[in-house]
PDB file of N, CA and C in Angstrom:
ATOM      1  N   MET A   1      30.169 -17.470  -8.971  1.00  0.00           N
ATOM      2  CA  MET A   1      28.737 -17.748  -9.008  1.00  0.00           C
ATOM      3  C   MET A   1      28.245 -17.423 -10.419  1.00  0.00           C
ATOM      4  N   ASN A   2      27.465 -18.327 -10.986  1.00  0.00           N
ATOM      5  CA  ASN A   2      27.003 -18.059 -12.350  1.00  0.00           C
ATOM      6  C   ASN A   2      25.834 -17.075 -12.344  1.00  0.00           C
ATOM      7  N   LYS A   3      25.524 -16.565 -13.524  1.00  0.00           N
ATOM      8  CA  LYS A   3      24.502 -15.518 -13.648  1.00  0.00           C
ATOM      9  C   LYS A   3      23.129 -15.997 -13.197  1.00  0.00           C
ATOM     10  N   GLU A   4      22.788 -17.246 -13.473  1.00  0.00           N
ATOM     11  CA  GLU A   4      21.464 -17.763 -13.084  1.00  0.00           C
ATOM     12  C   GLU A   4      21.322 -17.808 -11.567  1.00  0.00           C
ATOM     13  N   LYS A   5      22.339 -18.300 -10.872  1.00  0.00           N
ATOM     14  CA  LYS A   5      22.286 -18.354  -9.410  1.00  0.00           C
ATOM     15  C   LYS A   5      22.239 -16.948  -8.816  1.00  0.00           C
ATOM     16  N   LEU A   6      23.021 -16.053  -9.395  1.00  0.00           N
ATOM     17  CA  LEU A   6      23.009 -14.671  -8.927  1.00  0.00           C
ATOM     18  C   LEU A   6      21.639 -14.035  -9.147  1.00  0.00           C
ATOM     19  N   GLY A   7      21.045 -14.288 -10.303  1.00  0.00           N
ATOM     20  CA  GLY A   7      19.706 -13.769 -10.588  1.00  0.00           C
ATOM     21  C   GLY A   7      18.680 -14.298  -9.608  1.00  0.00           C
ATOM     22  N   ASN A   8      18.748 -15.593  -9.292  1.00  0.00           N
ATOM     23  CA  ASN A   8      17.824 -16.188  -8.318  1.00  0.00           C
ATOM     24  C   ASN A   8      18.024 -15.582  -6.939  1.00  0.00           C
ATOM     25  N   LEU A   9      19.275 -15.375  -6.561  1.00  0.00           N
ATOM     26  CA  LEU A   9      19.575 -14.780  -5.265  1.00  0.00           C
ATOM     27  C   LEU A   9      19.016 -13.362  -5.172  1.00  0.00           C
ATOM     28  N   VAL A  10      19.209 -12.580  -6.208  1.00  0.00           N
ATOM     29  CA  VAL A  10      18.689 -11.210  -6.239  1.00  0.00           C
ATOM     30  C   VAL A  10      17.168 -11.218  -6.188  1.00  0.00           C
ATOM     31  N   THR A  11      16.531 -12.102  -6.945  1.00  0.00           N
ATOM     32  CA  THR A  11      15.068 -12.204  -6.945  1.00  0.00           C
ATOM     33  C   THR A  11      14.546 -12.535  -5.555  1.00  0.00           C
ATOM     34  N   HIS A  12      15.159 -13.492  -4.888  1.00  0.00           N
ATOM     35  CA  HIS A  12      14.728 -13.855  -3.537  1.00  0.00           C
ATOM     36  C   HIS A  12      14.940 -12.701  -2.558  1.00  0.00           C
ATOM     37  N   PHE A  13      16.056 -12.013  -2.692  1.00  0.00           N
ATOM     38  CA  PHE A  13      16.334 -10.878  -1.823  1.00  0.00           C
ATOM     39  C   PHE A  13      15.285  -9.781  -1.996  1.00  0.00           C
ATOM     40  N   VAL A  14      14.968  -9.459  -3.231  1.00  0.00           N
ATOM     41  CA  VAL A  14      13.956  -8.438  -3.518  1.00  0.00           C
ATOM     42  C   VAL A  14      12.607  -8.864  -2.952  1.00  0.00           C
ATOM     43  N   PHE A  15      12.234 -10.127  -3.126  1.00  0.00           N
ATOM     44  CA  PHE A  15      10.966 -10.618  -2.600  1.00  0.00           C
ATOM     45  C   PHE A  15      10.910 -10.448  -1.083  1.00  0.00           C
ATOM     46  N   VAL A  16      11.987 -10.799  -0.393  1.00  0.00           N
ATOM     47  CA  VAL A  16      12.023 -10.671   1.065  1.00  0.00           C
ATOM     48  C   VAL A  16      11.873  -9.208   1.474  1.00  0.00           C
ATOM     49  N   ILE A  17      12.564  -8.305   0.808  1.00  0.00           N
ATOM     50  CA  ILE A  17      12.469  -6.878   1.131  1.00  0.00           C
ATOM     51  C   ILE A  17      11.048  -6.363   0.905  1.00  0.00           C
ATOM     52  N   VAL A  18      10.440  -6.736  -0.227  1.00  0.00           N
ATOM     53  CA  VAL A  18       9.067  -6.312  -0.519  1.00  0.00           C
ATOM     54  C   VAL A  18       8.120  -6.856   0.537  1.00  0.00           C
ATOM     55  N   PHE A  19       8.280  -8.108   0.911  1.00  0.00           N
ATOM     56  CA  PHE A  19       7.413  -8.714   1.920  1.00  0.00           C
ATOM     57  C   PHE A  19       7.545  -7.989   3.256  1.00  0.00           C
ATOM     58  N   ILE A  20       8.762  -7.715   3.663  1.00  0.00           N
ATOM     59  CA  ILE A  20       8.990  -7.045   4.949  1.00  0.00           C
ATOM     60  C   ILE A  20       8.390  -5.641   4.954  1.00  0.00           C
ATOM     61  N   THR A  21       8.607  -4.878   3.891  1.00  0.00           N
ATOM     62  CA  THR A  21       8.074  -3.513   3.871  1.00  0.00           C
ATOM     63  C   THR A  21       6.558  -3.499   3.765  1.00  0.00           C
ATOM     64  N   ALA A  22       5.981  -4.418   2.983  1.00  0.00           N
ATOM     65  CA  ALA A  22       4.520  -4.488   2.889  1.00  0.00           C
ATOM     66  C   ALA A  22       3.931  -4.873   4.234  1.00  0.00           C
ATOM     67  N   ASN A  23       4.569  -5.799   4.924  1.00  0.00           N
ATOM     68  CA  ASN A  23       4.093  -6.218   6.230  1.00  0.00           C
ATOM     69  C   ASN A  23       4.197  -5.078   7.234  1.00  0.00           C
ATOM     70  N   SER A  24       5.256  -4.282   7.151  1.00  0.00           N
ATOM     71  CA  SER A  24       5.418  -3.139   8.050  1.00  0.00           C
ATOM     72  C   SER A  24       4.330  -2.097   7.824  1.00  0.00           C
ATOM     73  N   ALA A  25       4.018  -1.819   6.570  1.00  0.00           N
ATOM     74  CA  ALA A  25       2.955  -0.856   6.254  1.00  0.00           C
ATOM     75  C   ALA A  25       1.619  -1.373   6.749  1.00  0.00           C
ATOM     76  N   TRP A  26       1.364  -2.662   6.559  1.00  0.00           N
ATOM     77  CA  TRP A  26       0.110  -3.269   7.010  1.00  0.00           C
ATOM     78  C   TRP A  26       0.015  -3.174   8.521  1.00  0.00           C
ATOM     79  N   SER A  27       1.105  -3.468   9.227  1.00  0.00           N
ATOM     80  CA  SER A  27       1.105  -3.400  10.685  1.00  0.00           C
ATOM     81  C   SER A  27       0.873  -1.979  11.177  1.00  0.00           C
ATOM     82  N   ALA A  28       1.484  -1.009  10.506  1.00  0.00           N
ATOM     83  CA  ALA A  28       1.305   0.388  10.909  1.00  0.00           C
ATOM     84  C   ALA A  28      -0.145   0.810  10.761  1.00  0.00           C
ATOM     85  N   SER A  29      -0.788   0.433   9.659  1.00  0.00           N
ATOM     86  CA  SER A  29      -2.185   0.814   9.470  1.00  0.00           C
ATOM     87  C   SER A  29      -3.073   0.091  10.466  1.00  0.00           C
ATOM     88  N   LYS A  30      -2.730  -1.137  10.808  1.00  0.00           N
ATOM     89  CA  LYS A  30      -3.511  -1.907  11.775  1.00  0.00           C
ATOM     90  C   LYS A  30      -3.440  -1.248  13.148  1.00  0.00           C
ATOM     91  N   GLU A  31      -2.248  -0.789  13.542  1.00  0.00           N
ATOM     92  CA  GLU A  31      -2.098  -0.116  14.827  1.00  0.00           C
ATOM     93  C   GLU A  31      -2.935   1.155  14.879  1.00  0.00           C
ATOM     94  N   ILE A  32      -2.886   1.944  13.842  1.00  0.00           N
ATOM     95  CA  ILE A  32      -3.641   3.195  13.810  1.00  0.00           C
ATOM     96  C   ILE A  32      -5.134   2.911  13.822  1.00  0.00           C
ATOM     97  N   ALA A  33      -5.591   1.979  12.977  1.00  0.00           N
ATOM     98  CA  ALA A  33      -7.015   1.664  12.904  1.00  0.00           C
ATOM     99  C   ALA A  33      -7.514   1.078  14.213  1.00  0.00           C
ATOM    100  N   GLY A  34      -6.685   0.274  14.869  1.00  0.00           N
ATOM    101  CA  GLY A  34      -7.078  -0.356  16.117  1.00  0.00           C
ATOM    102  C   GLY A  34      -7.276   0.643  17.242  1.00  0.00           C
ATOM    103  N   GLN A  35      -6.732   1.810  17.122  1.00  0.00           N
ATOM    104  CA  GLN A  35      -6.856   2.837  18.149  1.00  0.00           C
ATOM    105  C   GLN A  35      -8.104   3.690  17.951  1.00  0.00           C
ATOM    106  N   GLY A  36      -8.935   3.348  16.987  1.00  0.00           N
ATOM    107  CA  GLY A  36     -10.123   4.138  16.724  1.00  0.00           C
ATOM    108  C   GLY A  36      -9.777   5.467  16.081  1.00  0.00           C
ATOM    109  N   HIS A  37      -8.684   5.498  15.387  1.00  0.00           N
ATOM    110  CA  HIS A  37      -8.206   6.724  14.743  1.00  0.00           C
ATOM    111  C   HIS A  37      -9.181   7.168  13.657  1.00  0.00           C
ATOM    112  N   VAL A  38      -9.445   8.453  13.618  1.00  0.00           N
ATOM    113  CA  VAL A  38     -10.275   9.026  12.564  1.00  0.00           C
ATOM    114  C   VAL A  38      -9.352   9.841  11.666  1.00  0.00           C
ATOM    115  N   TRP A  39      -9.283   9.444  10.410  1.00  0.00           N
ATOM    116  CA  TRP A  39      -8.434  10.135   9.439  1.00  0.00           C
ATOM    117  C   TRP A  39      -9.079  11.464   9.066  1.00  0.00           C
ATOM    118  N   LYS A  40      -8.284  12.525   8.953  1.00  0.00           N
ATOM    119  CA  LYS A  40      -8.867  13.817   8.589  1.00  0.00           C
ATOM    120  C   LYS A  40      -9.145  13.907   7.092  1.00  0.00           C
ATOM    121  N   ASP A  41      -8.298  13.255   6.258  1.00  0.00           N
ATOM    122  CA  ASP A  41      -8.527  13.292   4.812  1.00  0.00           C
ATOM    123  C   ASP A  41      -7.690  12.220   4.115  1.00  0.00           C
ATOM    124  N   GLY A  42      -7.885  12.102   2.815  1.00  0.00           N
ATOM    125  CA  GLY A  42      -7.166  11.103   2.036  1.00  0.00           C
ATOM    126  C   GLY A  42      -5.666  11.329   2.012  1.00  0.00           C
ATOM    127  N   SER A  43      -5.260  12.586   2.063  1.00  0.00           N
ATOM    128  CA  SER A  43      -3.837  12.916   2.067  1.00  0.00           C
ATOM    129  C   SER A  43      -3.144  12.344   3.301  1.00  0.00           C
ATOM    130  N   GLU A  44      -3.797  12.458   4.440  1.00  0.00           N
ATOM    131  CA  GLU A  44      -3.223  11.926   5.677  1.00  0.00           C
ATOM    132  C   GLU A  44      -3.099  10.404   5.600  1.00  0.00           C
ATOM    133  N   ILE A  45      -4.130   9.747   5.100  1.00  0.00           N
ATOM    134  CA  ILE A  45      -4.086   8.284   4.972  1.00  0.00           C
ATOM    135  C   ILE A  45      -2.937   7.886   4.056  1.00  0.00           C
ATOM    136  N   TYR A  46      -2.842   8.558   2.916  1.00  0.00           N
ATOM    137  CA  TYR A  46      -1.786   8.242   1.953  1.00  0.00           C
ATOM    138  C   TYR A  46      -0.408   8.407   2.588  1.00  0.00           C
ATOM    139  N   SER A  47      -0.188   9.527   3.263  1.00  0.00           N
ATOM    140  CA  SER A  47       1.140   9.790   3.821  1.00  0.00           C
ATOM    141  C   SER A  47       1.490   8.842   4.964  1.00  0.00           C
ATOM    142  N   LYS A  48       0.500   8.404   5.735  1.00  0.00           N
ATOM    143  CA  LYS A  48       0.768   7.534   6.884  1.00  0.00           C
ATOM    144  C   LYS A  48       0.825   6.052   6.517  1.00  0.00           C
ATOM    145  N   VAL A  49       0.119   5.644   5.471  1.00  0.00           N
ATOM    146  CA  VAL A  49       0.031   4.217   5.147  1.00  0.00           C
ATOM    147  C   VAL A  49       0.622   3.893   3.775  1.00  0.00           C
ATOM    148  N   CYS A  50       0.201   4.579   2.755  1.00  0.00           N
ATOM    149  CA  CYS A  50       0.549   4.212   1.371  1.00  0.00           C
ATOM    150  C   CYS A  50       1.948   4.655   0.961  1.00  0.00           C
ATOM    151  N   ALA A  51       2.331   5.861   1.362  1.00  0.00           N
ATOM    152  CA  ALA A  51       3.604   6.423   0.906  1.00  0.00           C
ATOM    153  C   ALA A  51       4.790   5.573   1.329  1.00  0.00           C
ATOM    154  N   TYR A  52       4.640   4.840   2.411  1.00  0.00           N
ATOM    155  CA  TYR A  52       5.729   3.987   2.896  1.00  0.00           C
ATOM    156  C   TYR A  52       6.266   3.099   1.776  1.00  0.00           C
ATOM    157  N   CYS A  53       5.393   2.552   0.975  1.00  0.00           N
ATOM    158  CA  CYS A  53       5.823   1.709  -0.155  1.00  0.00           C
ATOM    159  C   CYS A  53       5.783   2.453  -1.484  1.00  0.00           C
ATOM    160  N   HIS A  54       4.737   3.239  -1.699  1.00  0.00           N
ATOM    161  CA  HIS A  54       4.507   3.817  -3.022  1.00  0.00           C
ATOM    162  C   HIS A  54       5.338   5.059  -3.315  1.00  0.00           C
ATOM    163  N   GLU A  55       6.042   5.584  -2.332  1.00  0.00           N
ATOM    164  CA  GLU A  55       6.957   6.694  -2.581  1.00  0.00           C
ATOM    165  C   GLU A  55       8.408   6.235  -2.520  1.00  0.00           C
ATOM    166  N   GLU A  56       8.642   5.010  -2.093  1.00  0.00           N
ATOM    167  CA  GLU A  56      10.001   4.504  -1.926  1.00  0.00           C
ATOM    168  C   GLU A  56      10.376   3.460  -2.971  1.00  0.00           C
ATOM    169  N   ARG A  57       9.581   3.363  -4.026  1.00  0.00           N
ATOM    170  CA  ARG A  57       9.838   2.449  -5.138  1.00  0.00           C
ATOM    171  C   ARG A  57       9.777   0.977  -4.750  1.00  0.00           C
ATOM    172  N   VAL A  58       9.097   0.676  -3.669  1.00  0.00           N
ATOM    173  CA  VAL A  58       8.813  -0.718  -3.343  1.00  0.00           C
ATOM    174  C   VAL A  58       7.618  -1.138  -4.178  1.00  0.00           C
ATOM    175  N   GLY A  59       6.565  -0.347  -4.078  1.00  0.00           N
ATOM    176  CA  GLY A  59       5.394  -0.536  -4.925  1.00  0.00           C
ATOM    177  C   GLY A  59       5.421   0.516  -6.022  1.00  0.00           C
ATOM    178  N   PRO A  60       4.546   0.393  -7.000  1.00  0.00           N
ATOM    179  CA  PRO A  60       4.538   1.376  -8.088  1.00  0.00           C
ATOM    180  C   PRO A  60       4.046   2.742  -7.605  1.00  0.00           C
ATOM    181  N   ARG A  61       4.475   3.776  -8.282  1.00  0.00           N
ATOM    182  CA  ARG A  61       3.944   5.110  -7.988  1.00  0.00           C
ATOM    183  C   ARG A  61       2.467   5.116  -8.356  1.00  0.00           C
ATOM    184  N   ILE A  62       1.646   5.682  -7.495  1.00  0.00           N
ATOM    185  CA  ILE A  62       0.205   5.680  -7.764  1.00  0.00           C
ATOM    186  C   ILE A  62      -0.369   7.083  -7.894  1.00  0.00           C
ATOM    187  N   LEU A  63       0.395   8.091  -7.515  1.00  0.00           N
ATOM    188  CA  LEU A  63      -0.071   9.461  -7.712  1.00  0.00           C
ATOM    189  C   LEU A  63       0.255   9.894  -9.136  1.00  0.00           C
ATOM    190  N   LYS A  64      -0.478  10.862  -9.624  1.00  0.00           N
ATOM    191  CA  LYS A  64      -0.300  11.427 -10.972  1.00  0.00           C
ATOM    192  C   LYS A  64      -0.532  10.394 -12.075  1.00  0.00           C
ATOM    193  N   ARG A  65      -1.369   9.388 -11.777  1.00  0.00           N
ATOM    194  CA  ARG A  65      -1.680   8.384 -12.797  1.00  0.00           C
ATOM    195  C   ARG A  65      -3.161   8.385 -13.157  1.00  0.00           C
ATOM    196  N   LYS A  66      -3.943   9.200 -12.452  1.00  0.00           N
ATOM    197  CA  LYS A  66      -5.383   9.312 -12.704  1.00  0.00           C
ATOM    198  C   LYS A  66      -6.070   7.946 -12.671  1.00  0.00           C
ATOM    199  N   LEU A  67      -5.738   7.161 -11.648  1.00  0.00           N
ATOM    200  CA  LEU A  67      -6.359   5.849 -11.486  1.00  0.00           C
ATOM    201  C   LEU A  67      -7.811   6.031 -11.060  1.00  0.00           C
ATOM    202  N   PRO A  68      -8.724   5.228 -11.586  1.00  0.00           N
ATOM    203  CA  PRO A  68     -10.132   5.344 -11.192  1.00  0.00           C
ATOM    204  C   PRO A  68     -10.324   5.002  -9.712  1.00  0.00           C
ATOM    205  N   SER A  69     -11.193   5.736  -9.069  1.00  0.00           N
ATOM    206  CA  SER A  69     -11.465   5.552  -7.650  1.00  0.00           C
ATOM    207  C   SER A  69     -11.908   4.125  -7.329  1.00  0.00           C
ATOM    208  N   ASP A  70     -12.774   3.548  -8.161  1.00  0.00           N
ATOM    209  CA  ASP A  70     -13.248   2.187  -7.884  1.00  0.00           C
ATOM    210  C   ASP A  70     -12.124   1.159  -8.018  1.00  0.00           C
ATOM    211  N   TYR A  71     -11.185   1.389  -8.919  1.00  0.00           N
ATOM    212  CA  TYR A  71     -10.027   0.503  -9.068  1.00  0.00           C
ATOM    213  C   TYR A  71      -9.164   0.561  -7.801  1.00  0.00           C
ATOM    214  N   ILE A  72      -8.947   1.760  -7.285  1.00  0.00           N
ATOM    215  CA  ILE A  72      -8.140   1.932  -6.077  1.00  0.00           C
ATOM    216  C   ILE A  72      -8.795   1.215  -4.904  1.00  0.00           C
ATOM    217  N   GLN A  73     -10.104   1.413  -4.740  1.00  0.00           N
ATOM    218  CA  GLN A  73     -10.807   0.773  -3.631  1.00  0.00           C
ATOM    219  C   GLN A  73     -10.743  -0.746  -3.734  1.00  0.00           C
ATOM    220  N   SER A  74     -10.932  -1.268  -4.925  1.00  0.00           N
ATOM    221  CA  SER A  74     -10.869  -2.714  -5.139  1.00  0.00           C
ATOM    222  C   SER A  74      -9.473  -3.256  -4.838  1.00  0.00           C
ATOM    223  N   THR A  75      -8.456  -2.542  -5.282  1.00  0.00           N
ATOM    224  CA  THR A  75      -7.078  -2.977  -5.057  1.00  0.00           C
ATOM    225  C   THR A  75      -6.731  -2.953  -3.574  1.00  0.00           C
ATOM    226  N   VAL A  76      -7.164  -1.924  -2.868  1.00  0.00           N
ATOM    227  CA  VAL A  76      -6.894  -1.839  -1.430  1.00  0.00           C
ATOM    228  C   VAL A  76      -7.577  -2.992  -0.696  1.00  0.00           C
ATOM    229  N   ARG A  77      -8.802  -3.288  -1.035  1.00  0.00           N
ATOM    230  CA  ARG A  77      -9.533  -4.369  -0.358  1.00  0.00           C
ATOM    231  C   ARG A  77      -9.024  -5.769  -0.726  1.00  0.00           C
ATOM    232  N   SER A  78      -8.605  -5.954  -1.976  1.00  0.00           N
ATOM    233  CA  SER A  78      -8.213  -7.288  -2.449  1.00  0.00           C
ATOM    234  C   SER A  78      -6.709  -7.528  -2.400  1.00  0.00           C
ATOM    235  N   GLY A  79      -5.932  -6.464  -2.396  1.00  0.00           N
ATOM    236  CA  GLY A  79      -4.485  -6.611  -2.490  1.00  0.00           C
ATOM    237  C   GLY A  79      -4.081  -6.804  -3.943  1.00  0.00           C
ATOM    238  N   ARG A  80      -2.799  -6.710  -4.206  1.00  0.00           N
ATOM    239  CA  ARG A  80      -2.298  -6.907  -5.574  1.00  0.00           C
ATOM    240  C   ARG A  80      -0.807  -7.179  -5.482  1.00  0.00           C
ATOM    241  N   ARG A  81      -0.402  -8.274  -6.056  1.00  0.00           N
ATOM    242  CA  ARG A  81       1.005  -8.708  -6.027  1.00  0.00           C
ATOM    243  C   ARG A  81       1.525  -8.695  -4.591  1.00  0.00           C
ATOM    244  N   ALA A  82       2.544  -7.910  -4.288  1.00  0.00           N
ATOM    245  CA  ALA A  82       3.124  -7.901  -2.941  1.00  0.00           C
ATOM    246  C   ALA A  82       2.331  -7.048  -1.955  1.00  0.00           C
ATOM    247  N   MET A  83       1.377  -6.266  -2.459  1.00  0.00           N
ATOM    248  CA  MET A  83       0.585  -5.411  -1.577  1.00  0.00           C
ATOM    249  C   MET A  83      -0.471  -6.247  -0.861  1.00  0.00           C
ATOM    250  N   PRO A  84      -0.515  -6.146   0.466  1.00  0.00           N
ATOM    251  CA  PRO A  84      -1.534  -6.899   1.196  1.00  0.00           C
ATOM    252  C   PRO A  84      -2.915  -6.269   1.036  1.00  0.00           C
ATOM    253  N   ALA A  85      -3.935  -7.067   1.242  1.00  0.00           N
ATOM    254  CA  ALA A  85      -5.306  -6.550   1.270  1.00  0.00           C
ATOM    255  C   ALA A  85      -5.520  -5.859   2.618  1.00  0.00           C
ATOM    256  N   PHE A  86      -6.261  -4.765   2.604  1.00  0.00           N
ATOM    257  CA  PHE A  86      -6.595  -4.056   3.833  1.00  0.00           C
ATOM    258  C   PHE A  86      -8.079  -4.257   4.104  1.00  0.00           C
ATOM    259  N   ARG A  87      -8.382  -4.893   5.225  1.00  0.00           N
ATOM    260  CA  ARG A  87      -9.774  -5.171   5.601  1.00  0.00           C
ATOM    261  C   ARG A  87     -10.444  -3.901   6.122  1.00  0.00           C
ATOM    262  N   SER A  88     -11.769  -3.952   6.206  1.00  0.00           N
ATOM    263  CA  SER A  88     -12.509  -2.781   6.696  1.00  0.00           C
ATOM    264  C   SER A  88     -12.193  -2.488   8.162  1.00  0.00           C
ATOM    265  N   SER A  89     -11.661  -3.461   8.886  1.00  0.00           N
ATOM    266  CA  SER A  89     -11.239  -3.202  10.265  1.00  0.00           C
ATOM    267  C   SER A  89      -9.917  -2.431  10.307  1.00  0.00           C
ATOM    268  N   GLU A  90      -9.210  -2.397   9.178  1.00  0.00           N
ATOM    269  CA  GLU A  90      -7.940  -1.680   9.100  1.00  0.00           C
ATOM    270  C   GLU A  90      -8.097  -0.299   8.464  1.00  0.00           C
ATOM    271  N   ILE A  91      -8.991  -0.204   7.514  1.00  0.00           N
ATOM    272  CA  ILE A  91      -9.356   1.093   6.926  1.00  0.00           C
ATOM    273  C   ILE A  91     -10.844   1.014   6.583  1.00  0.00           C
ATOM    274  N   ASP A  92     -11.631   1.806   7.270  1.00  0.00           N
ATOM    275  CA  ASP A  92     -13.085   1.741   7.081  1.00  0.00           C
ATOM    276  C   ASP A  92     -13.472   2.267   5.700  1.00  0.00           C
ATOM    277  N   ASP A  93     -14.698   1.976   5.293  1.00  0.00           N
ATOM    278  CA  ASP A  93     -15.160   2.337   3.949  1.00  0.00           C
ATOM    279  C   ASP A  93     -15.119   3.843   3.693  1.00  0.00           C
ATOM    280  N   GLU A  94     -15.489   4.636   4.684  1.00  0.00           N
ATOM    281  CA  GLU A  94     -15.472   6.096   4.514  1.00  0.00           C
ATOM    282  C   GLU A  94     -14.045   6.600   4.281  1.00  0.00           C
ATOM    283  N   SER A  95     -13.109   6.086   5.059  1.00  0.00           N
ATOM    284  CA  SER A  95     -11.708   6.473   4.892  1.00  0.00           C
ATOM    285  C   SER A  95     -11.156   5.989   3.563  1.00  0.00           C
ATOM    286  N   LEU A  96     -11.559   4.795   3.151  1.00  0.00           N
ATOM    287  CA  LEU A  96     -11.108   4.265   1.862  1.00  0.00           C
ATOM    288  C   LEU A  96     -11.612   5.137   0.716  1.00  0.00           C
ATOM    289  N   THR A  97     -12.831   5.623   0.829  1.00  0.00           N
ATOM    290  CA  THR A  97     -13.374   6.524  -0.192  1.00  0.00           C
ATOM    291  C   THR A  97     -12.554   7.812  -0.255  1.00  0.00           C
ATOM    292  N   LYS A  98     -12.217   8.375   0.920  1.00  0.00           N
ATOM    293  CA  LYS A  98     -11.377   9.581   0.966  1.00  0.00           C
ATOM    294  C   LYS A  98     -10.021   9.317   0.312  1.00  0.00           C
ATOM    295  N   LEU A  99      -9.436   8.176   0.636  1.00  0.00           N
ATOM    296  CA  LEU A  99      -8.130   7.821   0.082  1.00  0.00           C
ATOM    297  C   LEU A  99      -8.202   7.669  -1.432  1.00  0.00           C
ATOM    298  N   ALA A 100      -9.199   6.941  -1.912  1.00  0.00           N
ATOM    299  CA  ALA A 100      -9.341   6.705  -3.354  1.00  0.00           C
ATOM    300  C   ALA A 100      -9.546   8.016  -4.107  1.00  0.00           C
ATOM    301  N   GLU A 101     -10.345   8.917  -3.548  1.00  0.00           N
ATOM    302  CA  GLU A 101     -10.559  10.221  -4.186  1.00  0.00           C
ATOM    303  C   GLU A 101      -9.258  11.021  -4.232  1.00  0.00           C
ATOM    304  N   PHE A 102      -8.498  10.980  -3.141  1.00  0.00           N
ATOM    305  CA  PHE A 102      -7.224  11.699  -3.103  1.00  0.00           C
ATOM    306  C   PHE A 102      -6.267  11.164  -4.170  1.00  0.00           C
ATOM    307  N   ILE A 103      -6.115   9.852  -4.235  1.00  0.00           N
ATOM    308  CA  ILE A 103      -5.178   9.254  -5.196  1.00  0.00           C
ATOM    309  C   ILE A 103      -5.621   9.528  -6.626  1.00  0.00           C
ATOM    310  N   SER A 104      -6.909   9.393  -6.901  1.00  0.00           N
ATOM    311  CA  SER A 104      -7.369   9.571  -8.283  1.00  0.00           C
ATOM    312  C   SER A 104      -7.263  11.024  -8.755  1.00  0.00           C
ATOM    313  N   LYS A 105      -7.284  11.980  -7.825  1.00  0.00           N
ATOM    314  CA  LYS A 105      -7.212  13.400  -8.200  1.00  0.00           C
ATOM    315  C   LYS A 105      -5.797  13.969  -8.134  1.00  0.00           C
ATOM    316  N   ASN A 106      -4.865  13.229  -7.583  1.00  0.00           N
ATOM    317  CA  ASN A 106      -3.494  13.746  -7.415  1.00  0.00           C
ATOM    318  C   ASN A 106      -2.480  12.934  -8.186  1.00  0.00           C
TER     319      ASN A 106
END
């Protein structure tokens, strides 16, 4: 197999893995939100929803980067690259604020 075909195969494989893990994280947050779950703090939200991708090198590391809170909130609502957008039915505005504050301070 030549290098170009191998590169394409690897790229497609990585895309499929990223899609599957992002979809799994989205589904997990949807299940929790659908149960009327009340998050105790941003740390809990991060560990239950975000860390699945952002601690396993699927998505970029987001802690210890001092990202602005408004940037985090916008990214969560709109999505970015392989990360799906999270609607207010999946993470309410109050919880999103807690999450953004946690990420920006840690």
